[in-house]
Structures are given as structure tokens and as C-alpha cells.
């Protein structure tokens, strides 16, 4: 098992148990206890867990890495709608765009119905449901392994699909957190698909509610130099804007 996947599963276990022992994880994953200790050390460095004698506990200051869809869709609703409106003004008639999995990208789709000759490429089934029947928008759907928690497709076939896309005008990505170190995702299994989305986009935007700015998440997705701007809501503190602007990152929040 790849280290990234093993660490993701350790986090999922710790979301269900108060504490996990090194010996227990070693037996579960069929690796040495030293390997598990290195995993826990790396997860602690990322701020996801706290090492304790003989094992680890989840870092109570860090939110659930990959929340169920039904919870995410009912959180930060006003802020996501705000982002959806901002993004709709960036999208021009006749463009081709990629919309990632996520509830914030769904809000983008809800603001596209007045566009003309638009091509939307997505693995997000909620977006497909939103845009179906609109004769002015061509929807191209990426297949693969359907995950109910994401309301969309992930995995090998999804990755292969996006790898065949030469270029689109704009890519809009969701994320789990953004820090000066880069853009992060709450799970490992979407990473390769998202990286293909980044490669294909002539312009790449990360859409994230202000609570994710400055917050760490589980897995590293890309560096800040690989994106054109962060699109967020008006609640982002000015000091956070300044931090990213000093790094040369554009913040769009209204």
C-alpha cells in the first residue's frame, strides 16, 4: 500500500476511535512498527494527529479531513453562493471549463444557466443534475468509480479521462485547505484527477470558503505557483489576504 493511502486510512480510523496503537496499525497494514511511527510523525508534522506513548490520537484542533457530502452541502451556504456569483462573472460565453467535485463548484454551476455555448467538463454528478436540460451548455461527464461521499467519480478511469483533455479555458478546483506551502486536499484518491485538471487548464482557480484559507488538510495537491488565483468570500481577514499577496498569489473575493 502506498504511504499516502495508508496515512489517509490512519486518519479515517482515528476519526472513529479515540486512540490507535502503533502495534495495532502495524498488524492492520502489514508493515513494520517503525514504518507506522514514521507515518505518525509525518501526520503530526502536518498537524493532523498528536503522538502519544505507543500510538496517536486525532488532533482536536483539526476538523474532519473528508466530511460526508450531506454535511458539506449544508455548511457555509451563504459564502459558497457568494463564490458562485463571483466565478460566474469570470466565465465568458463560448468558453470551455472544468468543474471539480465539491459543493462550492456546484454553486458555480447554479450560476451558469444564462451562459451561451459553454462547455462544462466535470466528474461531479450534482453538477450534471444541475445543468442537464440546458441546451446552451454542453456537459461532458467523466466516468470512473462513483463515490457517494463525493457525489461523483474518482479513480483510474477518471484520471485517464482527464489526462486526454488537451486544454480548457479555465479550471475551477475545490480543496481542503490553502497555506503558504500550497493547496491541500482532504483525501488521497482525488489527487491525480485534480492534477490532470490543473494541467489541462489555461487558467487555474481554486475556489474555497474563507475558513479554508490558512488551514492545513491531509494531502498536498499543488504549489501556489500552479494556480492563477484563489476565489473566496468577503469574510477572509485582511491579514490573510496580505500574506498571500506577498507570495504573489491573487485573491478574488468580490
C-alpha atoms as a PDB file:
ATOM      1  CA  UNK A   1       0.000   0.000   0.000  1.00  0.00           C
ATOM      2  CA  UNK A   2       1.264   3.472  -0.870  1.00  0.00           C
ATOM      3  CA  UNK A   3       2.301   5.659   2.055  1.00  0.00           C
ATOM      4  CA  UNK A   4      -0.197   8.394   1.103  1.00  0.00           C
ATOM      5  CA  UNK A   5      -3.108   5.956   1.067  1.00  0.00           C
ATOM      6  CA  UNK A   6      -2.016   4.297   4.319  1.00  0.00           C
ATOM      7  CA  UNK A   7      -1.816   7.670   6.081  1.00  0.00           C
ATOM      8  CA  UNK A   8      -5.253   8.612   4.763  1.00  0.00           C
ATOM      9  CA  UNK A   9      -6.689   5.400   6.184  1.00  0.00           C
ATOM     10  CA  UNK A  10      -4.977   6.026   9.528  1.00  0.00           C
ATOM     11  CA  UNK A  11      -6.768   9.376   9.695  1.00  0.00           C
ATOM     12  CA  UNK A  12     -10.103   7.706   8.892  1.00  0.00           C
ATOM     13  CA  UNK A  13      -9.537   5.172  11.676  1.00  0.00           C
ATOM     14  CA  UNK A  14      -8.735   7.928  14.149  1.00  0.00           C
ATOM     15  CA  UNK A  15     -11.971   9.704  13.257  1.00  0.00           C
ATOM     16  CA  UNK A  16     -13.810   6.673  14.633  1.00  0.00           C
ATOM     17  CA  UNK A  17     -11.556   5.779  17.587  1.00  0.00           C
ATOM     18  CA  UNK A  18     -10.189   7.957  20.355  1.00  0.00           C
ATOM     19  CA  UNK A  19      -6.742   6.427  20.119  1.00  0.00           C
ATOM     20  CA  UNK A  20      -4.858   3.937  17.955  1.00  0.00           C
ATOM     21  CA  UNK A  21      -1.773   1.924  18.902  1.00  0.00           C
ATOM     22  CA  UNK A  22       1.332   1.557  16.733  1.00  0.00           C
ATOM     23  CA  UNK A  23       1.284  -2.243  17.128  1.00  0.00           C
ATOM     24  CA  UNK A  24      -2.363  -2.369  16.049  1.00  0.00           C
ATOM     25  CA  UNK A  25      -1.677  -0.299  12.925  1.00  0.00           C
ATOM     26  CA  UNK A  26       1.404  -2.346  12.118  1.00  0.00           C
ATOM     27  CA  UNK A  27      -0.653  -5.551  12.147  1.00  0.00           C
ATOM     28  CA  UNK A  28      -3.541  -3.959  10.240  1.00  0.00           C
ATOM     29  CA  UNK A  29      -1.420  -2.666   7.354  1.00  0.00           C
ATOM     30  CA  UNK A  30       1.192  -5.440   7.347  1.00  0.00           C
ATOM     31  CA  UNK A  31       4.141  -3.064   7.768  1.00  0.00           C
ATOM     32  CA  UNK A  32       6.755  -2.613  10.470  1.00  0.00           C
ATOM     33  CA  UNK A  33       6.138  -0.567  13.596  1.00  0.00           C
ATOM     34  CA  UNK A  34       8.954   1.762  12.504  1.00  0.00           C
ATOM     35  CA  UNK A  35       7.044   2.455   9.277  1.00  0.00           C
ATOM     36  CA  UNK A  36       3.935   3.309  11.279  1.00  0.00           C
ATOM     37  CA  UNK A  37       5.947   5.580  13.576  1.00  0.00           C
ATOM     38  CA  UNK A  38       7.247   7.443  10.508  1.00  0.00           C
ATOM     39  CA  UNK A  39       3.678   7.771   9.227  1.00  0.00           C
ATOM     40  CA  UNK A  40       2.519   9.184  12.559  1.00  0.00           C
ATOM     41  CA  UNK A  41       5.468  11.562  12.688  1.00  0.00           C
ATOM     42  CA  UNK A  42       4.552  12.889   9.237  1.00  0.00           C
ATOM     43  CA  UNK A  43       0.877  13.226  10.172  1.00  0.00           C
ATOM     44  CA  UNK A  44       1.856  15.058  13.358  1.00  0.00           C
ATOM     45  CA  UNK A  45       4.053  17.423  11.319  1.00  0.00           C
ATOM     46  CA  UNK A  46       1.011  18.233   9.193  1.00  0.00           C
ATOM     47  CA  UNK A  47      -1.000  18.938  12.336  1.00  0.00           C
ATOM     48  CA  UNK A  48      -3.440  16.091  11.787  1.00  0.00           C
ATOM     49  CA  UNK A  49      -2.609  13.865  14.767  1.00  0.00           C
ATOM     50  CA  UNK A  50      -0.883  14.014  18.128  1.00  0.00           C
ATOM     51  CA  UNK A  51       1.557  11.267  19.007  1.00  0.00           C
ATOM     52  CA  UNK A  52       1.110   9.696  22.426  1.00  0.00           C
ATOM     53  CA  UNK A  53       3.066   6.919  24.098  1.00  0.00           C
ATOM     54  CA  UNK A  54       2.694   3.836  21.922  1.00  0.00           C
ATOM     55  CA  UNK A  55       0.281   5.389  19.452  1.00  0.00           C
ATOM     56  CA  UNK A  56      -1.598   8.522  18.388  1.00  0.00           C
ATOM     57  CA  UNK A  57      -4.837  10.478  18.757  1.00  0.00           C
ATOM     58  CA  UNK A  58      -6.543  12.826  16.327  1.00  0.00           C
ATOM     59  CA  UNK A  59      -5.612  16.486  16.669  1.00  0.00           C
ATOM     60  CA  UNK A  60      -8.782  18.005  18.125  1.00  0.00           C
ATOM     61  CA  UNK A  61      -7.929  21.357  16.516  1.00  0.00           C
ATOM     62  CA  UNK A  62      -8.097  19.816  13.059  1.00  0.00           C
ATOM     63  CA  UNK A  63     -11.567  19.242  11.534  1.00  0.00           C
ATOM     64  CA  UNK A  64     -12.682  16.006   9.939  1.00  0.00           C
ATOM     65  CA  UNK A  65     -10.448  15.686   6.860  1.00  0.00           C
ATOM     66  CA  UNK A  66     -13.100  14.428   4.460  1.00  0.00           C
ATOM     67  CA  UNK A  67     -16.588  15.270   5.696  1.00  0.00           C
ATOM     68  CA  UNK A  68     -19.619  13.483   4.228  1.00  0.00           C
ATOM     69  CA  UNK A  69     -21.299  15.313   1.338  1.00  0.00           C
ATOM     70  CA  UNK A  70     -24.558  15.912   3.240  1.00  0.00           C
ATOM     71  CA  UNK A  71     -22.629  17.816   5.930  1.00  0.00           C
ATOM     72  CA  UNK A  72     -20.568  19.839   3.484  1.00  0.00           C
ATOM     73  CA  UNK A  73     -23.574  20.849   1.400  1.00  0.00           C
ATOM     74  CA  UNK A  74     -25.219  22.404   4.467  1.00  0.00           C
ATOM     75  CA  UNK A  75     -22.189  24.356   5.669  1.00  0.00           C
ATOM     76  CA  UNK A  76     -21.049  27.861   4.664  1.00  0.00           C
ATOM     77  CA  UNK A  77     -24.023  28.126   2.277  1.00  0.00           C
ATOM     78  CA  UNK A  78     -24.029  31.931   2.034  1.00  0.00           C
ATOM     79  CA  UNK A  79     -20.271  32.023   1.377  1.00  0.00           C
ATOM     80  CA  UNK A  80     -20.467  29.363  -1.339  1.00  0.00           C
ATOM     81  CA  UNK A  81     -23.254  31.252  -3.083  1.00  0.00           C
ATOM     82  CA  UNK A  82     -21.123  34.365  -2.976  1.00  0.00           C
ATOM     83  CA  UNK A  83     -18.231  32.492  -4.587  1.00  0.00           C
ATOM     84  CA  UNK A  84     -20.555  31.063  -7.231  1.00  0.00           C
ATOM     85  CA  UNK A  85     -21.601  34.569  -8.275  1.00  0.00           C
ATOM     86  CA  UNK A  86     -18.011  35.804  -8.391  1.00  0.00           C
ATOM     87  CA  UNK A  87     -16.942  32.926 -10.605  1.00  0.00           C
ATOM     88  CA  UNK A  88     -19.883  33.323 -12.983  1.00  0.00           C
ATOM     89  CA  UNK A  89     -18.580  36.791 -13.852  1.00  0.00           C
ATOM     90  CA  UNK A  90     -15.215  35.295 -14.812  1.00  0.00           C
ATOM     91  CA  UNK A  91     -16.713  32.794 -17.242  1.00  0.00           C
ATOM     92  CA  UNK A  92     -17.413  34.069 -20.745  1.00  0.00           C
ATOM     93  CA  UNK A  93     -19.818  32.752 -23.369  1.00  0.00           C
ATOM     94  CA  UNK A  94     -18.221  30.162 -25.607  1.00  0.00           C
ATOM     95  CA  UNK A  95     -15.595  29.022 -23.100  1.00  0.00           C
ATOM     96  CA  UNK A  96     -14.715  25.504 -22.018  1.00  0.00           C
ATOM     97  CA  UNK A  97     -14.302  24.910 -18.286  1.00  0.00           C
ATOM     98  CA  UNK A  98     -13.575  22.105 -15.827  1.00  0.00           C
ATOM     99  CA  UNK A  99     -15.579  21.973 -12.604  1.00  0.00           C
ATOM    100  CA  UNK A 100     -14.182  19.777  -9.845  1.00  0.00           C
ATOM    101  CA  UNK A 101     -16.000  17.690  -7.253  1.00  0.00           C
ATOM    102  CA  UNK A 102     -17.405  19.659  -4.334  1.00  0.00           C
ATOM    103  CA  UNK A 103     -20.299  21.742  -3.097  1.00  0.00           C
ATOM    104  CA  UNK A 104     -18.645  25.075  -3.918  1.00  0.00           C
ATOM    105  CA  UNK A 105     -18.221  24.115  -7.560  1.00  0.00           C
ATOM    106  CA  UNK A 106     -21.902  23.141  -7.565  1.00  0.00           C
ATOM    107  CA  UNK A 107     -22.723  26.741  -6.663  1.00  0.00           C
ATOM    108  CA  UNK A 108     -20.715  27.829  -9.703  1.00  0.00           C
ATOM    109  CA  UNK A 109     -22.857  25.590 -11.909  1.00  0.00           C
ATOM    110  CA  UNK A 110     -26.031  27.097 -10.474  1.00  0.00           C
ATOM    111  CA  UNK A 111     -24.918  30.465 -11.845  1.00  0.00           C
ATOM    112  CA  UNK A 112     -24.206  29.304 -15.401  1.00  0.00           C
ATOM    113  CA  UNK A 113     -27.710  28.915 -16.813  1.00  0.00           C
ATOM    114  CA  UNK A 114     -27.627  32.270 -18.626  1.00  0.00           C
ATOM    115  CA  UNK A 115     -24.348  31.482 -20.407  1.00  0.00           C
ATOM    116  CA  UNK A 116     -24.288  30.583 -24.097  1.00  0.00           C
ATOM    117  CA  UNK A 117     -22.233  27.999 -25.999  1.00  0.00           C
ATOM    118  CA  UNK A 118     -20.498  26.883 -22.813  1.00  0.00           C
ATOM    119  CA  UNK A 119     -18.743  23.519 -22.444  1.00  0.00           C
ATOM    120  CA  UNK A 120     -18.584  22.136 -18.908  1.00  0.00           C
ATOM    121  CA  UNK A 121     -16.408  19.095 -18.181  1.00  0.00           C
ATOM    122  CA  UNK A 122     -16.902  17.508 -14.787  1.00  0.00           C
ATOM    123  CA  UNK A 123     -16.847  14.355 -12.673  1.00  0.00           C
ATOM    124  CA  UNK A 124     -19.382  15.936 -10.306  1.00  0.00           C
ATOM    125  CA  UNK A 125     -22.792  14.292 -10.694  1.00  0.00           C
ATOM    126  CA  UNK A 126     -24.536  17.065  -8.745  1.00  0.00           C
ATOM    127  CA  UNK A 127     -23.338  19.485 -11.417  1.00  0.00           C
ATOM    128  CA  UNK A 128     -24.616  17.158 -14.150  1.00  0.00           C
ATOM    129  CA  UNK A 129     -28.043  17.141 -12.482  1.00  0.00           C
ATOM    130  CA  UNK A 130     -27.972  20.927 -12.211  1.00  0.00           C
ATOM    131  CA  UNK A 131     -27.089  21.607 -15.851  1.00  0.00           C
ATOM    132  CA  UNK A 132     -28.926  18.810 -17.646  1.00  0.00           C
ATOM    133  CA  UNK A 133     -31.612  20.080 -19.994  1.00  0.00           C
ATOM    134  CA  UNK A 134     -29.874  23.411 -20.656  1.00  0.00           C
ATOM    135  CA  UNK A 135     -29.459  23.442 -24.443  1.00  0.00           C
ATOM    136  CA  UNK A 136     -26.912  26.281 -24.261  1.00  0.00           C
ATOM    137  CA  UNK A 137     -24.459  24.243 -22.196  1.00  0.00           C
ATOM    138  CA  UNK A 138     -22.659  21.135 -23.382  1.00  0.00           C
ATOM    139  CA  UNK A 139     -21.924  18.893 -20.398  1.00  0.00           C
ATOM    140  CA  UNK A 140     -19.161  16.308 -20.747  1.00  0.00           C
ATOM    141  CA  UNK A 141     -19.135  13.767 -17.924  1.00  0.00           C
ATOM    142  CA  UNK A 142     -16.070  11.901 -16.662  1.00  0.00           C
ATOM    143  CA  UNK A 143     -16.778   8.328 -15.662  1.00  0.00           C
ATOM    144  CA  UNK A 144     -14.969   6.108 -13.188  1.00  0.00           C
ATOM    145  CA  UNK A 145     -15.606   4.770  -9.707  1.00  0.00           C
ATOM    146  CA  UNK A 146     -18.664   6.520  -8.287  1.00  0.00           C
ATOM    147  CA  UNK A 147     -18.305   7.597  -4.654  1.00  0.00           C
ATOM    148  CA  UNK A 148     -21.462   8.587  -2.840  1.00  0.00           C
ATOM    149  CA  UNK A 149     -19.449  10.626  -0.315  1.00  0.00           C
ATOM    150  CA  UNK A 150     -18.230  12.812  -3.192  1.00  0.00           C
ATOM    151  CA  UNK A 151     -21.335  12.587  -5.424  1.00  0.00           C
ATOM    152  CA  UNK A 152     -19.009  11.923  -8.342  1.00  0.00           C
ATOM    153  CA  UNK A 153     -16.382   9.751  -9.962  1.00  0.00           C
ATOM    154  CA  UNK A 154     -12.759   9.181  -8.959  1.00  0.00           C
ATOM    155  CA  UNK A 155     -10.084   6.607  -9.637  1.00  0.00           C
ATOM    156  CA  UNK A 156      -8.148   5.262 -12.605  1.00  0.00           C
ATOM    157  CA  UNK A 157     -10.745   5.765 -15.340  1.00  0.00           C
ATOM    158  CA  UNK A 158     -11.483   9.311 -14.180  1.00  0.00           C
ATOM    159  CA  UNK A 159      -7.775  10.087 -14.195  1.00  0.00           C
ATOM    160  CA  UNK A 160      -7.420   8.625 -17.684  1.00  0.00           C
ATOM    161  CA  UNK A 161     -10.358  10.693 -18.922  1.00  0.00           C
ATOM    162  CA  UNK A 162      -8.868  13.989 -17.777  1.00  0.00           C
ATOM    163  CA  UNK A 163      -5.390  13.039 -18.986  1.00  0.00           C
ATOM    164  CA  UNK A 164      -6.792  13.006 -22.543  1.00  0.00           C
ATOM    165  CA  UNK A 165      -8.042  16.608 -22.343  1.00  0.00           C
ATOM    166  CA  UNK A 166      -5.554  18.858 -24.098  1.00  0.00           C
ATOM    167  CA  UNK A 167      -6.667  22.262 -22.824  1.00  0.00           C
ATOM    168  CA  UNK A 168      -9.683  24.149 -21.491  1.00  0.00           C
ATOM    169  CA  UNK A 169     -10.048  27.866 -20.888  1.00  0.00           C
ATOM    170  CA  UNK A 170     -10.484  27.630 -17.125  1.00  0.00           C
ATOM    171  CA  UNK A 171     -10.259  25.010 -14.379  1.00  0.00           C
ATOM    172  CA  UNK A 172     -12.033  25.528 -11.051  1.00  0.00           C
ATOM    173  CA  UNK A 173     -10.748  23.346  -8.211  1.00  0.00           C
ATOM    174  CA  UNK A 174     -12.090  22.649  -4.748  1.00  0.00           C
ATOM    175  CA  UNK A 175      -9.719  21.918  -1.858  1.00  0.00           C
ATOM    176  CA  UNK A 176      -9.427  21.116   1.824  1.00  0.00           C
ATOM    177  CA  UNK A 177      -7.113  23.963   2.753  1.00  0.00           C
ATOM    178  CA  UNK A 178      -4.635  26.531   1.461  1.00  0.00           C
ATOM    179  CA  UNK A 179      -1.471  27.680   3.215  1.00  0.00           C
ATOM    180  CA  UNK A 180       1.707  29.418   2.007  1.00  0.00           C
ATOM    181  CA  UNK A 181       3.031  25.876   1.448  1.00  0.00           C
ATOM    182  CA  UNK A 182       0.378  25.206  -1.198  1.00  0.00           C
ATOM    183  CA  UNK A 183      -3.074  23.832  -1.913  1.00  0.00           C
ATOM    184  CA  UNK A 184      -4.175  20.743   0.033  1.00  0.00           C
ATOM    185  CA  UNK A 185      -6.867  18.097  -0.286  1.00  0.00           C
ATOM    186  CA  UNK A 186      -8.659  16.102   2.430  1.00  0.00           C
ATOM    187  CA  UNK A 187      -8.027  12.725   0.771  1.00  0.00           C
ATOM    188  CA  UNK A 188      -5.507  10.994  -1.467  1.00  0.00           C
ATOM    189  CA  UNK A 189      -7.797   9.360  -4.013  1.00  0.00           C
ATOM    190  CA  UNK A 190      -8.737  12.599  -5.833  1.00  0.00           C
ATOM    191  CA  UNK A 191      -5.187  13.912  -6.188  1.00  0.00           C
ATOM    192  CA  UNK A 192      -4.200  12.547  -9.585  1.00  0.00           C
ATOM    193  CA  UNK A 193      -7.503  13.581 -11.173  1.00  0.00           C
ATOM    194  CA  UNK A 194      -7.151  17.098  -9.772  1.00  0.00           C
ATOM    195  CA  UNK A 195      -3.576  17.326 -11.034  1.00  0.00           C
ATOM    196  CA  UNK A 196      -4.781  16.424 -14.528  1.00  0.00           C
ATOM    197  CA  UNK A 197      -7.400  19.172 -14.205  1.00  0.00           C
ATOM    198  CA  UNK A 198      -4.630  21.626 -13.318  1.00  0.00           C
ATOM    199  CA  UNK A 199      -2.521  20.541 -16.276  1.00  0.00           C
ATOM    200  CA  UNK A 200      -5.438  20.985 -18.687  1.00  0.00           C
ATOM    201  CA  UNK A 201      -6.453  24.465 -17.543  1.00  0.00           C
ATOM    202  CA  UNK A 202      -5.117  27.505 -19.388  1.00  0.00           C
ATOM    203  CA  UNK A 203      -6.168  29.373 -16.239  1.00  0.00           C
ATOM    204  CA  UNK A 204      -6.494  27.575 -12.888  1.00  0.00           C
ATOM    205  CA  UNK A 205      -8.553  28.868  -9.972  1.00  0.00           C
ATOM    206  CA  UNK A 206      -9.017  27.411  -6.507  1.00  0.00           C
ATOM    207  CA  UNK A 207     -12.451  28.094  -5.034  1.00  0.00           C
ATOM    208  CA  UNK A 208     -12.545  27.931  -1.244  1.00  0.00           C
ATOM    209  CA  UNK A 209     -14.608  29.459   1.531  1.00  0.00           C
ATOM    210  CA  UNK A 210     -12.632  31.785   3.775  1.00  0.00           C
ATOM    211  CA  UNK A 211     -12.435  29.244   6.618  1.00  0.00           C
ATOM    212  CA  UNK A 212     -10.124  27.121   4.436  1.00  0.00           C
ATOM    213  CA  UNK A 213      -7.619  29.904   3.832  1.00  0.00           C
ATOM    214  CA  UNK A 214      -4.647  29.279   6.089  1.00  0.00           C
ATOM    215  CA  UNK A 215      -5.904  25.854   7.105  1.00  0.00           C
ATOM    216  CA  UNK A 216      -3.987  22.642   6.510  1.00  0.00           C
ATOM    217  CA  UNK A 217      -5.536  19.499   5.085  1.00  0.00           C
ATOM    218  CA  UNK A 218      -4.364  15.933   4.606  1.00  0.00           C
ATOM    219  CA  UNK A 219      -2.565  15.729   1.264  1.00  0.00           C
ATOM    220  CA  UNK A 220      -0.528  18.165  -0.802  1.00  0.00           C
ATOM    221  CA  UNK A 221      -2.194  18.922  -4.147  1.00  0.00           C
ATOM    222  CA  UNK A 222      -0.095  21.640  -5.791  1.00  0.00           C
ATOM    223  CA  UNK A 223       2.074  24.674  -5.127  1.00  0.00           C
ATOM    224  CA  UNK A 224       0.695  28.206  -5.203  1.00  0.00           C
ATOM    225  CA  UNK A 225       2.713  28.888  -8.358  1.00  0.00           C
ATOM    226  CA  UNK A 226       0.496  26.408 -10.240  1.00  0.00           C
ATOM    227  CA  UNK A 227      -2.691  28.439  -9.768  1.00  0.00           C
ATOM    228  CA  UNK A 228      -3.756  31.827 -11.122  1.00  0.00           C
ATOM    229  CA  UNK A 229      -5.882  32.943  -8.181  1.00  0.00           C
ATOM    230  CA  UNK A 230      -7.808  31.946  -5.078  1.00  0.00           C
ATOM    231  CA  UNK A 231     -11.509  32.813  -5.175  1.00  0.00           C
ATOM    232  CA  UNK A 232     -13.117  33.155  -1.767  1.00  0.00           C
ATOM    233  CA  UNK A 233     -15.803  35.085   0.118  1.00  0.00           C
ATOM    234  CA  UNK A 234     -15.672  38.547   1.701  1.00  0.00           C
ATOM    235  CA  UNK A 235     -15.160  37.158   5.224  1.00  0.00           C
ATOM    236  CA  UNK A 236     -11.469  36.476   4.643  1.00  0.00           C
ATOM    237  CA  UNK A 237      -9.399  38.617   7.070  1.00  0.00           C
ATOM    238  CA  UNK A 238      -7.240  41.323   5.504  1.00  0.00           C
ATOM    239  CA  UNK A 239      -4.104  39.933   7.139  1.00  0.00           C
ATOM    240  CA  UNK A 240      -4.592  36.621   5.334  1.00  0.00           C
ATOM    241  CA  UNK A 241      -5.024  38.425   2.024  1.00  0.00           C
ATOM    242  CA  UNK A 242      -1.761  40.267   2.619  1.00  0.00           C
ATOM    243  CA  UNK A 243       0.108  37.049   3.422  1.00  0.00           C
ATOM    244  CA  UNK A 244      -0.844  35.505   0.084  1.00  0.00           C
ATOM    245  CA  UNK A 245      -0.399  38.711  -1.887  1.00  0.00           C
ATOM    246  CA  UNK A 246       3.180  38.961  -0.626  1.00  0.00           C
ATOM    247  CA  UNK A 247       3.693  35.495  -2.101  1.00  0.00           C
ATOM    248  CA  UNK A 248       2.392  36.744  -5.451  1.00  0.00           C
ATOM    249  CA  UNK A 249      -0.977  34.995  -5.171  1.00  0.00           C
ATOM    250  CA  UNK A 250      -4.056  36.856  -6.363  1.00  0.00           C
ATOM    251  CA  UNK A 251      -7.078  36.753  -4.049  1.00  0.00           C
ATOM    252  CA  UNK A 252     -10.501  37.414  -5.595  1.00  0.00           C
ATOM    253  CA  UNK A 253     -13.249  37.988  -3.039  1.00  0.00           C
ATOM    254  CA  UNK A 254     -15.820  40.256  -4.619  1.00  0.00           C
END
